[in-house]
């Protein structure tokens, strides 16, 4: 997401789906700031690796990122997107990093 595309002061990031990593919990997201000179407002990178108990429920896995603007706030939603028959993936390794511009107010919410 580029700064020029959004006239905002605040970024709210919502993590909206649960995953498993040897236990039930929310997707852990790491945060880092972009350089002040960056033209990017927000940049998310990820690397997910997962297994399933007894080989059940194999399917595609990705992060789904959507956003909308409410007044001067950009609402960004990060969801774990998988096509499985109601079986949540069990993760053995993952990395999700949200890089955001330091000139904006940044908030994270779990829902």
Protein backbone atom coordinates (compact mmCIF):
# COMPACT_ATOMS: atom_id res chain seq x y z
CA UNK A 1 0.00 0.00 0.00
CA UNK A 2 1.43 3.31 -1.05
CA UNK A 3 1.18 6.60 0.85
CA UNK A 4 -0.09 8.41 -2.23
CA UNK A 5 -3.09 6.07 -2.41
CA UNK A 6 -4.39 6.92 1.08
CA UNK A 7 -5.04 10.24 2.79
CA UNK A 8 -5.03 9.03 6.40
CA UNK A 9 -3.43 9.58 9.82
CA UNK A 10 -4.02 6.18 11.41
CA UNK A 11 -3.66 2.51 10.46
CA UNK A 12 -5.70 -0.11 12.32
CA UNK A 13 -4.61 -3.70 11.69
CA UNK A 14 -7.02 -6.52 12.52
CA UNK A 15 -5.98 -10.18 12.83
CA UNK A 16 -9.22 -12.02 12.22
CA UNK A 17 -8.56 -15.77 12.10
CA UNK A 18 -7.14 -18.36 14.44
CA UNK A 19 -4.44 -20.89 13.63
CA UNK A 20 -2.67 -23.68 15.47
CA UNK A 21 1.05 -23.90 16.22
CA UNK A 22 1.17 -26.88 18.55
CA UNK A 23 -1.68 -25.12 20.38
CA UNK A 24 -4.68 -22.95 19.59
CA UNK A 25 -3.81 -19.28 19.36
CA UNK A 26 -3.93 -16.26 17.10
CA UNK A 27 -1.49 -15.80 14.28
CA UNK A 28 1.56 -14.09 15.76
CA UNK A 29 2.57 -11.09 13.70
CA UNK A 30 5.93 -9.35 13.95
CA UNK A 31 6.11 -5.60 13.44
CA UNK A 32 8.79 -3.33 12.04
CA UNK A 33 8.89 0.24 10.82
CA UNK A 34 9.72 1.30 7.30
CA UNK A 35 12.27 4.06 6.68
CA UNK A 36 10.80 7.56 6.95
CA UNK A 37 11.73 8.11 3.30
CA UNK A 38 9.63 5.11 2.18
CA UNK A 39 6.77 5.66 -0.26
CA UNK A 40 5.02 2.65 1.26
CA UNK A 41 2.42 3.07 3.94
CA UNK A 42 2.18 -0.61 4.81
CA UNK A 43 3.98 -3.70 3.57
CA UNK A 44 3.24 -7.25 4.75
CA UNK A 45 5.51 -10.20 4.05
CA UNK A 46 4.97 -13.80 5.07
CA UNK A 47 6.32 -17.32 4.85
CA UNK A 48 4.08 -20.11 6.12
CA UNK A 49 4.94 -23.79 6.45
CA UNK A 50 2.45 -26.25 7.90
CA UNK A 51 1.66 -29.92 8.46
CA UNK A 52 -1.51 -31.83 9.35
CA UNK A 53 -1.98 -34.60 11.85
CA UNK A 54 -2.29 -37.97 10.08
CA UNK A 55 -2.21 -36.23 6.69
CA UNK A 56 -5.82 -35.05 7.01
CA UNK A 57 -7.03 -31.85 5.38
CA UNK A 58 -4.41 -31.00 2.77
CA UNK A 59 -5.13 -27.75 0.94
CA UNK A 60 -3.92 -24.35 -0.16
CA UNK A 61 -2.89 -21.76 2.41
CA UNK A 62 -2.35 -18.03 2.10
CA UNK A 63 -2.91 -14.74 3.84
CA UNK A 64 -5.85 -12.66 2.66
CA UNK A 65 -5.37 -8.92 3.13
CA UNK A 66 -8.19 -6.45 2.67
CA UNK A 67 -8.67 -2.83 3.62
CA UNK A 68 -11.13 0.02 3.70
CA UNK A 69 -11.04 3.62 4.85
CA UNK A 70 -13.16 5.01 7.68
CA UNK A 71 -12.71 8.77 8.04
CA UNK A 72 -8.94 9.30 8.40
CA UNK A 73 -8.23 5.68 9.39
CA UNK A 74 -7.15 2.82 7.13
CA UNK A 75 -8.68 -0.44 8.39
CA UNK A 76 -6.53 -3.40 7.30
CA UNK A 77 -7.73 -6.98 7.84
CA UNK A 78 -5.36 -9.96 7.78
CA UNK A 79 -7.00 -13.38 7.58
CA UNK A 80 -5.61 -16.84 7.26
CA UNK A 81 -7.16 -18.11 4.02
CA UNK A 82 -7.36 -21.86 3.55
CA UNK A 83 -9.65 -24.23 1.71
CA UNK A 84 -10.01 -27.17 4.04
CA UNK A 85 -12.93 -29.24 5.20
CA UNK A 86 -13.21 -27.46 8.57
CA UNK A 87 -9.77 -28.66 9.69
CA UNK A 88 -7.42 -25.92 10.84
CA UNK A 89 -3.79 -26.30 9.78
CA UNK A 90 -1.10 -27.10 12.34
CA UNK A 91 1.98 -24.99 11.79
CA UNK A 92 5.56 -26.09 12.25
CA UNK A 93 7.10 -22.81 11.07
CA UNK A 94 5.86 -19.39 10.03
CA UNK A 95 6.81 -15.76 9.76
CA UNK A 96 4.50 -12.82 9.21
CA UNK A 97 5.94 -9.31 9.38
CA UNK A 98 3.98 -6.09 9.05
CA UNK A 99 6.15 -3.14 8.05
CA UNK A 100 4.46 0.22 8.56
CA UNK A 101 5.42 3.83 8.01
CA UNK A 102 6.50 5.51 11.29
CA UNK A 103 4.75 8.81 10.49
CA UNK A 104 1.32 7.22 11.05
CA UNK A 105 -0.44 6.09 14.21
CA UNK A 106 -0.46 2.28 14.16
CA UNK A 107 -2.80 0.02 16.19
CA UNK A 108 -3.24 -3.75 16.21
CA UNK A 109 -6.45 -5.56 17.20
CA UNK A 110 -7.30 -9.26 17.57
CA UNK A 111 -10.88 -10.14 16.69
